[in-house]
Amino acid sequence: MPGYIFWDLETTGLTAFAVPVQAAFTWVDDDLVIQDEVVLHGRVPQHVVPAPDAMLVTSFTPDQLEAARFSHLDMATAIARLLASWTPATMIGFNSLKFDEEVLRTTFHQALLPPYLTSGTGFRRADVLPMVRTLAQIRPSAISIPKLGGKPVYRLGEVCRANGIALGEDEAHDASNDVRATIALFRLMRQRAPDLVADMMENAHKSGAIRRLS
């Protein structure tokens, strides 16, 4: 059954060479009804030193990272098998195209798994963050964007709270909580601007962009 895979990674840092320590994947149908949820926790490889700032953000302790169920290799393998079992689907995250996808690609490459799995047959890819930015510019009545010092703030927690979606500071940066908040935000966007969101979702696969350009 085609649907959407909403996902999020919590990692050891903010570069593409960080490794995931928590990964959450929620498979929903076309009506955004949850069909399955998986949360994985992985140990940090011995050659990787987590960035202190990242650990402060995610609140993971060294003991928790050492006690995680999966090794880095086992976690990468589990993610690849999970995605393969849920295809065809559209993968959606928040800032996923510029960050989570890069981390996952590097993780797959290190584990000798197909690094471009999510770009292959059966998958489409979308990102709620640029969709939120587009709505804010083209249809500002459809989305409330908070401001700090007069500048718009597009962090997931702030945007969610500005639009009545519960995601407290103590709940954010947990992959499972972030995934559920992203689903709620996407649902809200579809309700308030269904035509514009549908147009943007056409770009989730290169064939849609090609049709538009043609």
N, C-alpha and C. Protein backbone atom coordinates (compact mmCIF):
# COMPACT_ATOMS: atom_id res chain seq x y z
N MET A 1 0.84 -1.19 0.00
CA MET A 1 0.00 0.00 0.00
C MET A 1 0.88 1.25 0.00
N PRO A 2 0.83 2.05 -1.06
CA PRO A 2 1.62 3.29 -1.06
C PRO A 2 1.20 4.21 0.07
N GLY A 3 2.12 4.93 0.59
CA GLY A 3 1.83 5.87 1.67
C GLY A 3 3.03 6.73 1.91
N TYR A 4 3.18 7.18 3.14
CA TYR A 4 4.28 8.06 3.51
C TYR A 4 5.09 7.45 4.64
N ILE A 5 6.40 7.63 4.58
CA ILE A 5 7.28 7.27 5.68
C ILE A 5 7.81 8.58 6.28
N PHE A 6 7.31 8.94 7.43
CA PHE A 6 7.84 10.11 8.14
C PHE A 6 9.00 9.63 9.01
N TRP A 7 10.10 10.37 9.00
CA TRP A 7 11.28 9.87 9.69
C TRP A 7 12.14 10.99 10.23
N ASP A 8 13.02 10.61 11.17
CA ASP A 8 13.92 11.58 11.78
C ASP A 8 15.09 10.82 12.40
N LEU A 9 16.26 11.45 12.35
CA LEU A 9 17.46 10.90 12.99
C LEU A 9 17.96 11.85 14.05
N GLU A 10 18.40 11.30 15.18
CA GLU A 10 19.19 12.05 16.15
C GLU A 10 20.61 11.52 16.03
N THR A 11 21.58 12.42 15.94
CA THR A 11 22.92 12.02 15.56
C THR A 11 23.98 12.54 16.53
N THR A 12 25.23 12.16 16.25
CA THR A 12 26.36 12.57 17.09
C THR A 12 26.88 13.95 16.74
N GLY A 13 26.32 14.58 15.74
CA GLY A 13 26.81 15.90 15.34
C GLY A 13 25.97 16.48 14.23
N LEU A 14 26.46 17.57 13.63
CA LEU A 14 25.69 18.31 12.62
C LEU A 14 26.33 18.24 11.25
N THR A 15 27.17 17.25 11.00
CA THR A 15 27.77 17.09 9.67
C THR A 15 27.28 15.78 9.06
N ALA A 16 27.50 15.64 7.77
CA ALA A 16 27.07 14.41 7.08
C ALA A 16 27.82 13.18 7.58
N PHE A 17 28.96 13.39 8.25
CA PHE A 17 29.74 12.26 8.74
C PHE A 17 29.40 11.91 10.19
N ALA A 18 28.38 12.56 10.74
CA ALA A 18 27.87 12.13 12.05
C ALA A 18 27.19 10.77 11.88
N VAL A 19 26.99 10.08 12.98
CA VAL A 19 26.32 8.79 12.90
C VAL A 19 25.02 8.86 13.70
N PRO A 20 24.00 8.15 13.27
CA PRO A 20 22.72 8.19 13.99
C PRO A 20 22.81 7.41 15.30
N VAL A 21 22.23 7.97 16.36
CA VAL A 21 22.12 7.26 17.63
C VAL A 21 20.67 6.89 17.91
N GLN A 22 19.74 7.54 17.23
CA GLN A 22 18.33 7.20 17.33
C GLN A 22 17.68 7.47 15.97
N ALA A 23 16.84 6.55 15.55
CA ALA A 23 16.14 6.70 14.27
C ALA A 23 14.68 6.30 14.46
N ALA A 24 13.78 7.16 14.01
CA ALA A 24 12.35 6.88 14.13
C ALA A 24 11.72 6.90 12.74
N PHE A 25 10.92 5.89 12.46
CA PHE A 25 10.23 5.79 11.18
C PHE A 25 8.76 5.45 11.45
N THR A 26 7.86 6.24 10.87
CA THR A 26 6.43 5.99 11.01
C THR A 26 5.81 5.91 9.63
N TRP A 27 5.19 4.78 9.37
CA TRP A 27 4.56 4.55 8.07
C TRP A 27 3.08 4.87 8.20
N VAL A 28 2.59 5.78 7.36
CA VAL A 28 1.19 6.17 7.38
C VAL A 28 0.59 5.96 6.00
N ASP A 29 -0.74 5.83 5.95
CA ASP A 29 -1.40 5.69 4.66
C ASP A 29 -1.64 7.07 4.05
N ASP A 30 -2.34 7.11 2.93
CA ASP A 30 -2.55 8.37 2.24
C ASP A 30 -3.38 9.36 3.05
N ASP A 31 -4.14 8.86 4.03
CA ASP A 31 -4.93 9.71 4.91
C ASP A 31 -4.18 10.07 6.18
N LEU A 32 -2.89 9.71 6.23
CA LEU A 32 -2.00 9.99 7.36
C LEU A 32 -2.40 9.22 8.61
N VAL A 33 -3.02 8.08 8.44
CA VAL A 33 -3.34 7.18 9.54
C VAL A 33 -2.15 6.25 9.76
N ILE A 34 -1.66 6.19 10.98
CA ILE A 34 -0.45 5.40 11.28
C ILE A 34 -0.71 3.91 11.07
N GLN A 35 0.18 3.29 10.30
CA GLN A 35 0.13 1.86 10.05
C GLN A 35 1.19 1.09 10.82
N ASP A 36 2.33 1.72 11.04
CA ASP A 36 3.41 1.05 11.77
C ASP A 36 4.41 2.11 12.23
N GLU A 37 5.08 1.82 13.33
CA GLU A 37 6.09 2.71 13.88
C GLU A 37 7.28 1.89 14.35
N VAL A 38 8.48 2.39 14.08
CA VAL A 38 9.71 1.72 14.52
C VAL A 38 10.67 2.78 15.04
N VAL A 39 11.24 2.54 16.21
CA VAL A 39 12.27 3.41 16.78
C VAL A 39 13.49 2.55 17.08
N LEU A 40 14.65 2.97 16.58
CA LEU A 40 15.89 2.21 16.75
C LEU A 40 16.91 3.06 17.50
N HIS A 41 17.67 2.42 18.36
CA HIS A 41 18.77 3.08 19.09
C HIS A 41 20.07 2.37 18.76
N GLY A 42 21.10 3.14 18.41
CA GLY A 42 22.37 2.54 18.02
C GLY A 42 23.54 3.02 18.86
N ARG A 43 24.52 2.14 19.03
CA ARG A 43 25.73 2.49 19.74
C ARG A 43 26.65 3.29 18.81
N VAL A 44 27.48 4.12 19.41
CA VAL A 44 28.42 4.93 18.63
C VAL A 44 29.68 4.10 18.35
N PRO A 45 30.15 4.05 17.11
CA PRO A 45 31.39 3.33 16.82
C PRO A 45 32.55 3.89 17.64
N GLN A 46 33.53 3.05 17.92
CA GLN A 46 34.62 3.46 18.80
C GLN A 46 35.44 4.61 18.23
N HIS A 47 35.47 4.76 16.91
CA HIS A 47 36.29 5.82 16.32
C HIS A 47 35.55 7.16 16.26
N VAL A 48 34.30 7.20 16.70
CA VAL A 48 33.50 8.42 16.63
C VAL A 48 33.37 9.04 18.02
N VAL A 49 33.68 10.32 18.13
CA VAL A 49 33.50 11.06 19.38
C VAL A 49 32.29 11.99 19.19
N PRO A 50 31.20 11.76 19.92
CA PRO A 50 30.02 12.62 19.77
C PRO A 50 30.34 14.07 20.11
N ALA A 51 29.76 14.99 19.36
CA ALA A 51 29.93 16.41 19.64
C ALA A 51 29.17 16.75 20.92
N PRO A 52 29.82 17.42 21.87
CA PRO A 52 29.14 17.77 23.13
C PRO A 52 27.84 18.54 22.90
N ASP A 53 27.84 19.47 21.95
CA ASP A 53 26.63 20.24 21.69
C ASP A 53 25.48 19.33 21.25
N ALA A 54 25.79 18.34 20.43
CA ALA A 54 24.76 17.43 19.96
C ALA A 54 24.18 16.62 21.11
N MET A 55 25.04 16.20 22.02
CA MET A 55 24.57 15.41 23.16
C MET A 55 23.73 16.27 24.11
N LEU A 56 24.08 17.54 24.24
CA LEU A 56 23.26 18.44 25.06
C LEU A 56 21.88 18.64 24.45
N VAL A 57 21.83 18.71 23.13
CA VAL A 57 20.55 18.90 22.44
C VAL A 57 19.68 17.66 22.57
N THR A 58 20.25 16.48 22.34
CA THR A 58 19.47 15.25 22.36
C THR A 58 19.27 14.69 23.76
N SER A 59 20.10 15.14 24.71
CA SER A 59 20.03 14.68 26.11
C SER A 59 20.45 13.22 26.29
N PHE A 60 21.10 12.64 25.29
CA PHE A 60 21.62 11.29 25.47
C PHE A 60 22.90 11.33 26.29
N THR A 61 23.04 10.41 27.22
CA THR A 61 24.24 10.33 28.04
C THR A 61 25.18 9.28 27.45
N PRO A 62 26.48 9.34 27.78
CA PRO A 62 27.41 8.30 27.30
C PRO A 62 26.96 6.89 27.68
N ASP A 63 26.42 6.74 28.89
CA ASP A 63 25.96 5.41 29.32
C ASP A 63 24.82 4.91 28.44
N GLN A 64 23.90 5.82 28.08
CA GLN A 64 22.79 5.42 27.21
C GLN A 64 23.29 4.99 25.83
N LEU A 65 24.27 5.72 25.31
CA LEU A 65 24.80 5.37 24.00
C LEU A 65 25.52 4.02 24.04
N GLU A 66 26.20 3.74 25.12
CA GLU A 66 26.90 2.46 25.25
C GLU A 66 25.93 1.30 25.41
N ALA A 67 24.77 1.59 25.99
CA ALA A 67 23.80 0.51 26.28
C ALA A 67 22.80 0.28 25.16
N ALA A 68 22.89 1.06 24.06
CA ALA A 68 21.93 0.93 22.97
C ALA A 68 21.94 -0.48 22.40
N ARG A 69 20.81 -0.89 21.88
CA ARG A 69 20.63 -2.27 21.43
C ARG A 69 21.49 -2.61 20.21
N PHE A 70 21.53 -1.71 19.23
CA PHE A 70 22.16 -2.03 17.95
C PHE A 70 23.56 -1.46 17.85
N SER A 71 24.45 -2.19 17.20
CA SER A 71 25.72 -1.61 16.79
C SER A 71 25.44 -0.69 15.59
N HIS A 72 26.45 0.10 15.22
CA HIS A 72 26.28 1.00 14.07
C HIS A 72 25.93 0.20 12.82
N LEU A 73 26.62 -0.92 12.59
CA LEU A 73 26.35 -1.76 11.42
C LEU A 73 24.95 -2.36 11.48
N ASP A 74 24.59 -2.89 12.65
CA ASP A 74 23.27 -3.52 12.78
C ASP A 74 22.15 -2.49 12.59
N MET A 75 22.36 -1.27 13.07
CA MET A 75 21.34 -0.24 12.93
C MET A 75 21.17 0.14 11.46
N ALA A 76 22.28 0.30 10.75
CA ALA A 76 22.20 0.62 9.33
C ALA A 76 21.48 -0.49 8.56
N THR A 77 21.79 -1.72 8.89
CA THR A 77 21.16 -2.85 8.22
C THR A 77 19.66 -2.91 8.52
N ALA A 78 19.30 -2.65 9.78
CA ALA A 78 17.89 -2.67 10.16
C ALA A 78 17.11 -1.58 9.43
N ILE A 79 17.71 -0.40 9.28
CA ILE A 79 17.04 0.70 8.57
C ILE A 79 16.83 0.33 7.11
N ALA A 80 17.87 -0.21 6.48
CA ALA A 80 17.77 -0.58 5.06
C ALA A 80 16.69 -1.63 4.84
N ARG A 81 16.63 -2.63 5.70
CA ARG A 81 15.61 -3.68 5.56
C ARG A 81 14.21 -3.12 5.80
N LEU A 82 14.09 -2.23 6.78
CA LEU A 82 12.79 -1.64 7.07
C LEU A 82 12.27 -0.84 5.88
N LEU A 83 13.12 0.01 5.31
CA LEU A 83 12.68 0.83 4.18
C LEU A 83 12.33 -0.03 2.98
N ALA A 84 13.10 -1.07 2.76
CA ALA A 84 12.80 -1.96 1.64
C ALA A 84 11.46 -2.66 1.82
N SER A 85 11.10 -2.96 3.07
CA SER A 85 9.83 -3.65 3.33
C SER A 85 8.63 -2.73 3.22
N TRP A 86 8.86 -1.41 3.31
CA TRP A 86 7.75 -0.44 3.27
C TRP A 86 7.59 0.21 1.90
N THR A 87 8.44 -0.08 0.95
CA THR A 87 8.31 0.51 -0.37
C THR A 87 7.12 -0.10 -1.10
N PRO A 88 6.42 0.65 -1.98
CA PRO A 88 6.66 2.03 -2.38
C PRO A 88 6.09 3.01 -1.36
N ALA A 89 6.76 4.14 -1.22
CA ALA A 89 6.31 5.15 -0.28
C ALA A 89 7.05 6.46 -0.55
N THR A 90 6.53 7.53 0.02
CA THR A 90 7.18 8.83 -0.04
C THR A 90 7.81 9.12 1.31
N MET A 91 9.10 9.34 1.34
CA MET A 91 9.79 9.63 2.58
C MET A 91 9.71 11.12 2.86
N ILE A 92 9.28 11.48 4.06
CA ILE A 92 9.12 12.88 4.43
C ILE A 92 9.75 13.13 5.80
N GLY A 93 10.53 14.18 5.91
CA GLY A 93 11.09 14.59 7.19
C GLY A 93 11.05 16.09 7.32
N PHE A 94 11.70 16.60 8.33
CA PHE A 94 11.81 18.05 8.52
C PHE A 94 13.29 18.40 8.44
N ASN A 95 13.66 19.09 7.39
CA ASN A 95 15.07 19.36 7.05
C ASN A 95 15.80 18.07 6.71
N SER A 96 15.06 17.09 6.22
CA SER A 96 15.63 15.77 5.95
C SER A 96 16.49 15.74 4.70
N LEU A 97 16.13 16.51 3.67
CA LEU A 97 16.88 16.44 2.42
C LEU A 97 18.30 16.99 2.58
N LYS A 98 18.46 18.00 3.41
CA LYS A 98 19.79 18.60 3.58
C LYS A 98 20.60 17.98 4.70
N PHE A 99 19.94 17.27 5.62
CA PHE A 99 20.70 16.72 6.75
C PHE A 99 20.50 15.21 6.91
N ASP A 100 19.29 14.78 7.28
CA ASP A 100 19.08 13.37 7.59
C ASP A 100 19.43 12.45 6.41
N GLU A 101 19.06 12.87 5.19
CA GLU A 101 19.39 12.06 4.02
C GLU A 101 20.90 11.92 3.86
N GLU A 102 21.63 13.00 4.10
CA GLU A 102 23.09 12.95 3.96
C GLU A 102 23.71 12.03 5.00
N VAL A 103 23.22 12.11 6.25
CA VAL A 103 23.73 11.23 7.30
C VAL A 103 23.41 9.78 6.97
N LEU A 104 22.18 9.53 6.53
CA LEU A 104 21.79 8.15 6.21
C LEU A 104 22.60 7.61 5.05
N ARG A 105 22.86 8.45 4.06
CA ARG A 105 23.65 8.01 2.91
C ARG A 105 25.07 7.63 3.33
N THR A 106 25.66 8.46 4.19
CA THR A 106 27.00 8.15 4.68
C THR A 106 27.00 6.88 5.53
N THR A 107 25.96 6.73 6.34
CA THR A 107 25.83 5.53 7.18
C THR A 107 25.75 4.27 6.32
N PHE A 108 24.92 4.31 5.28
CA PHE A 108 24.80 3.17 4.38
C PHE A 108 26.13 2.89 3.68
N HIS A 109 26.80 3.93 3.26
CA HIS A 109 28.08 3.76 2.57
C HIS A 109 29.09 3.08 3.49
N GLN A 110 29.15 3.49 4.74
CA GLN A 110 30.10 2.90 5.69
C GLN A 110 29.76 1.44 5.98
N ALA A 111 28.48 1.10 5.88
CA ALA A 111 28.04 -0.26 6.18
C ALA A 111 28.00 -1.15 4.93
N LEU A 112 28.50 -0.62 3.81
CA LEU A 112 28.51 -1.35 2.54
C LEU A 112 27.10 -1.71 2.08
N LEU A 113 26.17 -0.80 2.33
CA LEU A 113 24.80 -0.92 1.87
C LEU A 113 24.57 0.09 0.75
N PRO A 114 23.53 -0.10 -0.08
CA PRO A 114 23.28 0.84 -1.18
C PRO A 114 23.08 2.26 -0.65
N PRO A 115 24.02 3.18 -0.90
CA PRO A 115 23.94 4.51 -0.29
C PRO A 115 22.79 5.36 -0.81
N TYR A 116 22.31 5.06 -2.02
CA TYR A 116 21.23 5.86 -2.60
C TYR A 116 19.90 5.10 -2.58
N LEU A 117 19.71 4.32 -1.54
CA LEU A 117 18.50 3.52 -1.43
C LEU A 117 17.24 4.38 -1.51
N THR A 118 17.22 5.50 -0.80
CA THR A 118 16.01 6.32 -0.74
C THR A 118 15.75 7.08 -2.04
N SER A 119 16.73 7.10 -2.93
CA SER A 119 16.55 7.76 -4.22
C SER A 119 16.19 6.76 -5.31
N GLY A 120 16.11 5.48 -4.95
CA GLY A 120 15.90 4.44 -5.93
C GLY A 120 14.44 4.17 -6.24
N THR A 121 14.22 3.11 -6.97
CA THR A 121 12.88 2.71 -7.40
C THR A 121 11.98 2.47 -6.20
N GLY A 122 10.78 3.02 -6.25
CA GLY A 122 9.80 2.80 -5.20
C GLY A 122 9.72 3.92 -4.18
N PHE A 123 10.67 4.86 -4.23
CA PHE A 123 10.68 5.94 -3.24
C PHE A 123 10.51 7.30 -3.90
N ARG A 124 9.75 8.14 -3.22
CA ARG A 124 9.71 9.57 -3.50
C ARG A 124 10.20 10.27 -2.24
N ARG A 125 10.65 11.53 -2.36
CA ARG A 125 11.24 12.20 -1.21
C ARG A 125 10.72 13.63 -1.12
N ALA A 126 10.34 14.02 0.09
CA ALA A 126 9.86 15.38 0.31
C ALA A 126 10.36 15.87 1.65
N ASP A 127 10.28 17.19 1.84
CA ASP A 127 10.80 17.81 3.06
C ASP A 127 9.82 18.88 3.51
N VAL A 128 9.35 18.78 4.73
CA VAL A 128 8.34 19.71 5.23
C VAL A 128 8.91 21.11 5.44
N LEU A 129 10.21 21.23 5.76
CA LEU A 129 10.79 22.54 6.03
C LEU A 129 10.67 23.50 4.83
N PRO A 130 11.15 23.14 3.63
CA PRO A 130 10.97 24.06 2.51
C PRO A 130 9.51 24.27 2.14
N MET A 131 8.66 23.29 2.44
CA MET A 131 7.23 23.47 2.18
C MET A 131 6.65 24.53 3.12
N VAL A 132 7.09 24.52 4.38
CA VAL A 132 6.65 25.54 5.33
C VAL A 132 7.11 26.92 4.86
N ARG A 133 8.35 27.01 4.43
CA ARG A 133 8.89 28.30 3.94
C ARG A 133 8.11 28.79 2.72
N THR A 134 7.74 27.86 1.85
CA THR A 134 6.98 28.24 0.66
C THR A 134 5.59 28.76 1.04
N LEU A 135 4.93 28.06 1.95
CA LEU A 135 3.62 28.53 2.41
C LEU A 135 3.72 29.92 3.04
N ALA A 136 4.76 30.13 3.83
CA ALA A 136 4.92 31.41 4.50
C ALA A 136 5.06 32.55 3.50
N GLN A 137 5.64 32.28 2.34
CA GLN A 137 5.84 33.31 1.33
C GLN A 137 4.64 33.46 0.40
N ILE A 138 4.07 32.33 -0.03
CA ILE A 138 3.02 32.37 -1.05
C ILE A 138 1.63 32.47 -0.44
N ARG A 139 1.43 31.78 0.70
CA ARG A 139 0.11 31.81 1.33
C ARG A 139 0.29 31.96 2.84
N PRO A 140 0.70 33.12 3.30
CA PRO A 140 1.01 33.33 4.72
C PRO A 140 -0.18 33.10 5.64
N SER A 141 -1.41 33.18 5.13
CA SER A 141 -2.58 32.93 5.98
C SER A 141 -2.70 31.47 6.39
N ALA A 142 -1.95 30.58 5.71
CA ALA A 142 -2.08 29.14 5.97
C ALA A 142 -1.14 28.64 7.06
N ILE A 143 -0.17 29.46 7.45
CA ILE A 143 0.82 29.00 8.41
C ILE A 143 1.28 30.17 9.27
N SER A 144 1.45 29.93 10.55
CA SER A 144 1.96 30.96 11.46
C SER A 144 3.45 30.70 11.70
N ILE A 145 4.26 31.70 11.44
CA ILE A 145 5.71 31.57 11.62
C ILE A 145 6.14 32.48 12.76
N PRO A 146 6.72 31.93 13.82
CA PRO A 146 7.17 32.78 14.94
C PRO A 146 8.37 33.61 14.53
N LYS A 147 8.62 34.66 15.28
CA LYS A 147 9.76 35.53 15.00
C LYS A 147 10.60 35.73 16.26
N LEU A 148 11.89 35.88 16.04
CA LEU A 148 12.82 36.16 17.13
C LEU A 148 13.69 37.33 16.68
N GLY A 149 13.58 38.45 17.40
CA GLY A 149 14.32 39.64 17.00
C GLY A 149 13.89 40.15 15.64
N GLY A 150 12.62 39.94 15.32
CA GLY A 150 12.10 40.40 14.05
C GLY A 150 12.34 39.47 12.88
N LYS A 151 13.06 38.38 13.09
CA LYS A 151 13.37 37.43 12.01
C LYS A 151 12.55 36.15 12.18
N PRO A 152 12.06 35.59 11.08
CA PRO A 152 11.27 34.36 11.17
C PRO A 152 12.11 33.18 11.67
N VAL A 153 11.50 32.34 12.46
CA VAL A 153 12.16 31.15 13.02
C VAL A 153 11.47 29.92 12.44
N TYR A 154 12.25 29.03 11.83
CA TYR A 154 11.68 27.86 11.17
C TYR A 154 12.06 26.55 11.86
N ARG A 155 12.48 26.59 13.10
CA ARG A 155 12.76 25.35 13.82
C ARG A 155 11.44 24.61 14.08
N LEU A 156 11.50 23.29 14.05
CA LEU A 156 10.30 22.47 14.13
C LEU A 156 9.47 22.78 15.37
N GLY A 157 10.10 22.83 16.54
CA GLY A 157 9.36 23.06 17.78
C GLY A 157 8.63 24.39 17.78
N GLU A 158 9.34 25.45 17.36
CA GLU A 158 8.73 26.77 17.36
C GLU A 158 7.58 26.87 16.38
N VAL A 159 7.76 26.31 15.18
CA VAL A 159 6.70 26.35 14.17
C VAL A 159 5.49 25.55 14.64
N CYS A 160 5.73 24.40 15.22
CA CYS A 160 4.62 23.58 15.71
C CYS A 160 3.83 24.32 16.79
N ARG A 161 4.52 24.87 17.77
CA ARG A 161 3.82 25.55 18.86
C ARG A 161 3.07 26.78 18.36
N ALA A 162 3.61 27.48 17.35
CA ALA A 162 2.94 28.64 16.79
C ALA A 162 1.65 28.27 16.08
N ASN A 163 1.53 26.98 15.72
CA ASN A 163 0.34 26.52 15.00
C ASN A 163 -0.50 25.53 15.81
N GLY A 164 -0.32 25.58 17.14
CA GLY A 164 -1.16 24.79 18.03
C GLY A 164 -0.83 23.32 18.11
N ILE A 165 0.38 22.96 17.70
CA ILE A 165 0.82 21.56 17.77
C ILE A 165 1.78 21.41 18.94
N ALA A 166 1.48 20.51 19.84
CA ALA A 166 2.27 20.36 21.06
C ALA A 166 3.62 19.70 20.76
N LEU A 167 4.69 20.43 21.04
CA LEU A 167 6.05 19.88 20.98
C LEU A 167 6.92 20.77 21.84
N GLY A 168 6.95 20.46 23.13
CA GLY A 168 7.70 21.28 24.08
C GLY A 168 9.20 21.14 23.89
N GLU A 169 9.93 22.08 24.46
CA GLU A 169 11.39 22.05 24.36
C GLU A 169 11.96 20.76 24.94
N ASP A 170 11.31 20.23 25.98
CA ASP A 170 11.79 19.00 26.58
C ASP A 170 11.40 17.77 25.77
N GLU A 171 10.51 17.93 24.79
CA GLU A 171 10.09 16.82 23.94
C GLU A 171 10.81 16.81 22.59
N ALA A 172 11.22 17.99 22.14
CA ALA A 172 11.90 18.10 20.84
C ALA A 172 13.25 17.39 20.89
N HIS A 173 13.74 17.04 19.71
CA HIS A 173 15.02 16.35 19.54
C HIS A 173 14.99 14.93 20.11
N ASP A 174 13.80 14.40 20.27
CA ASP A 174 13.60 12.96 20.38
C ASP A 174 13.01 12.56 19.04
N ALA A 175 13.64 11.60 18.37
CA ALA A 175 13.25 11.30 16.99
C ALA A 175 11.77 10.94 16.87
N SER A 176 11.26 10.16 17.81
CA SER A 176 9.86 9.75 17.75
C SER A 176 8.92 10.96 17.91
N ASN A 177 9.21 11.83 18.86
CA ASN A 177 8.39 13.03 19.07
C ASN A 177 8.45 13.95 17.85
N ASP A 178 9.64 14.10 17.27
CA ASP A 178 9.78 14.97 16.11
C ASP A 178 9.00 14.41 14.91
N VAL A 179 8.99 13.11 14.76
CA VAL A 179 8.25 12.50 13.66
C VAL A 179 6.75 12.75 13.81
N ARG A 180 6.23 12.53 15.00
CA ARG A 180 4.80 12.74 15.22
C ARG A 180 4.42 14.22 15.02
N ALA A 181 5.31 15.12 15.44
CA ALA A 181 5.05 16.55 15.24
C ALA A 181 5.08 16.90 13.76
N THR A 182 5.99 16.30 13.01
CA THR A 182 6.07 16.56 11.58
C THR A 182 4.82 16.07 10.86
N ILE A 183 4.31 14.92 11.27
CA ILE A 183 3.06 14.41 10.69
C ILE A 183 1.92 15.39 10.97
N ALA A 184 1.83 15.87 12.19
CA ALA A 184 0.77 16.81 12.56
C ALA A 184 0.89 18.11 11.77
N LEU A 185 2.12 18.58 11.58
CA LEU A 185 2.33 19.82 10.82
C LEU A 185 1.96 19.63 9.35
N PHE A 186 2.34 18.50 8.79
CA PHE A 186 2.00 18.20 7.40
C PHE A 186 0.49 18.09 7.23
N ARG A 187 -0.18 17.45 8.17
CA ARG A 187 -1.64 17.34 8.13
C ARG A 187 -2.29 18.73 8.15
N LEU A 188 -1.78 19.61 9.01
CA LEU A 188 -2.31 20.96 9.11
C LEU A 188 -2.12 21.71 7.80
N MET A 189 -0.97 21.56 7.18
CA MET A 189 -0.69 22.22 5.91
C MET A 189 -1.62 21.72 4.82
N ARG A 190 -1.87 20.43 4.80
CA ARG A 190 -2.78 19.88 3.78
C ARG A 190 -4.20 20.38 3.98
N GLN A 191 -4.60 20.58 5.24
CA GLN A 191 -5.95 21.08 5.51
C GLN A 191 -6.10 22.54 5.10
N ARG A 192 -5.07 23.34 5.35
CA ARG A 192 -5.16 24.78 5.13
C ARG A 192 -4.83 25.20 3.69
N ALA A 193 -3.99 24.43 3.02
CA ALA A 193 -3.59 24.77 1.65
C ALA A 193 -3.44 23.50 0.82
N PRO A 194 -4.54 22.76 0.62
CA PRO A 194 -4.45 21.47 -0.06
C PRO A 194 -3.91 21.56 -1.48
N ASP A 195 -4.30 22.60 -2.22
CA ASP A 195 -3.86 22.72 -3.60
C ASP A 195 -2.35 22.99 -3.68
N LEU A 196 -1.87 23.88 -2.83
CA LEU A 196 -0.45 24.23 -2.87
C LEU A 196 0.41 23.07 -2.38
N VAL A 197 -0.02 22.39 -1.35
CA VAL A 197 0.74 21.23 -0.85
C VAL A 197 0.77 20.13 -1.91
N ALA A 198 -0.35 19.90 -2.58
CA ALA A 198 -0.39 18.90 -3.65
C ALA A 198 0.58 19.25 -4.76
N ASP A 199 0.64 20.55 -5.12
CA ASP A 199 1.59 20.98 -6.14
C ASP A 199 3.03 20.71 -5.71
N MET A 200 3.34 21.00 -4.45
CA MET A 200 4.71 20.79 -3.97
C MET A 200 5.04 19.31 -3.90
N MET A 201 4.06 18.48 -3.55
CA MET A 201 4.32 17.05 -3.46
C MET A 201 4.56 16.42 -4.82
N GLU A 202 4.13 17.11 -5.89
CA GLU A 202 4.44 16.62 -7.24
C GLU A 202 5.94 16.59 -7.49
N ASN A 203 6.67 17.43 -6.76
CA ASN A 203 8.12 17.49 -6.93
C ASN A 203 8.86 16.44 -6.10
N ALA A 204 8.12 15.56 -5.42
CA ALA A 204 8.75 14.54 -4.59
C ALA A 204 9.48 13.50 -5.42
N HIS A 205 9.21 13.49 -6.72
CA HIS A 205 9.93 12.59 -7.63
C HIS A 205 10.33 13.39 -8.86
N LYS A 206 11.43 13.05 -9.44
CA LYS A 206 11.93 13.82 -10.58
C LYS A 206 10.95 13.83 -11.74
N SER A 207 10.12 12.79 -11.86
CA SER A 207 9.16 12.76 -12.95
C SER A 207 8.16 13.90 -12.84
N GLY A 208 7.78 14.26 -11.60
CA GLY A 208 6.88 15.38 -11.40
C GLY A 208 7.50 16.70 -11.80
N ALA A 209 8.76 16.90 -11.45
CA ALA A 209 9.46 18.12 -11.84
C ALA A 209 9.62 18.20 -13.35
N ILE A 210 9.89 17.06 -13.97
CA ILE A 210 10.04 17.03 -15.43
C ILE A 210 8.73 17.39 -16.12
N ARG A 211 7.62 16.84 -15.61
CA ARG A 211 6.31 17.18 -16.17
C ARG A 211 6.04 18.67 -16.05
N ARG A 212 6.36 19.24 -14.91
CA ARG A 212 6.11 20.66 -14.70
C ARG A 212 6.94 21.51 -15.66
N LEU A 213 8.20 21.17 -15.81
CA LEU A 213 9.07 21.91 -16.72
C LEU A 213 8.61 21.76 -18.17
N SER A 214 8.15 20.57 -18.53
CA SER A 214 7.66 20.35 -19.90
C SER A 214 6.42 21.19 -20.17
